[in-house]
Amino acid sequence: MLKRGFDIFVAVVGLALGWPVLLALAAMVRLSSPGPAIHWSKRVGRENRLFAMPKFRTMRTDTPDVATHLLEEPGRWITPLGRFLRRSSLDELPQLWSVLVGDMSLVGPRPALFNQDDLVALRTAAGVERLRPGVTGWAQINGRDELPISEKVKLDAEYLARRSFGFDLAIIAATARAAVTARGVSH
């Protein structure tokens, strides 16, 4: 209950105080490349249910709907502004909406794409599917894009075993440090 209350509080405060930044970023995305400012990505949530997760659009609108690392020449699909948004993690800010409505938490395993069957299967076998997916997570601060799927699931399972409010706060603090340095972002 404490975790969900904290999630709601941070999402409300973040959206209330951050709306000018969100609007400015949305305008920059729209002006820098054709297409909508927000991309609604089909993701796997708690209990393996699908939900639509918002992100600022960082890729061209004709990009195949697969994980970035599975694209041939991923750099050619990323918009010029998208590269900055990804490195700074600003593309993730619209996910505060998903936290507010309960599809996500601030901390948990990053939600898999709808077609990442290998990741979903390994997480289900480890019991991780019981968790609400997070804007950030233990695997995110321990490698992010650089980790193989099996290592991500191992870290997600470790988070499941160790989860606590204090651990979540430590992960949030480490995420802030990683976002400033763009550590672990490969595309």
Foldseek 3Di string as FASTA:
>chain_A
DVQLVVLQVCLVVCCVVVVVVVVVQQVVLVVQAPDGQWDFFFFQWAVRDTDTAIFGDQFHPPDDRDPLVPDDPSVVGGGPVSVVCLLLVVRLSSRSVVSNVVQAGQEAAATHGNPPVVLVVLLVVLVRSNDGHHSFYQVCLVANPNDDSVVSSVRRSVCVVVPDPVVSVVRVVSVNVCSVVSPNDDD
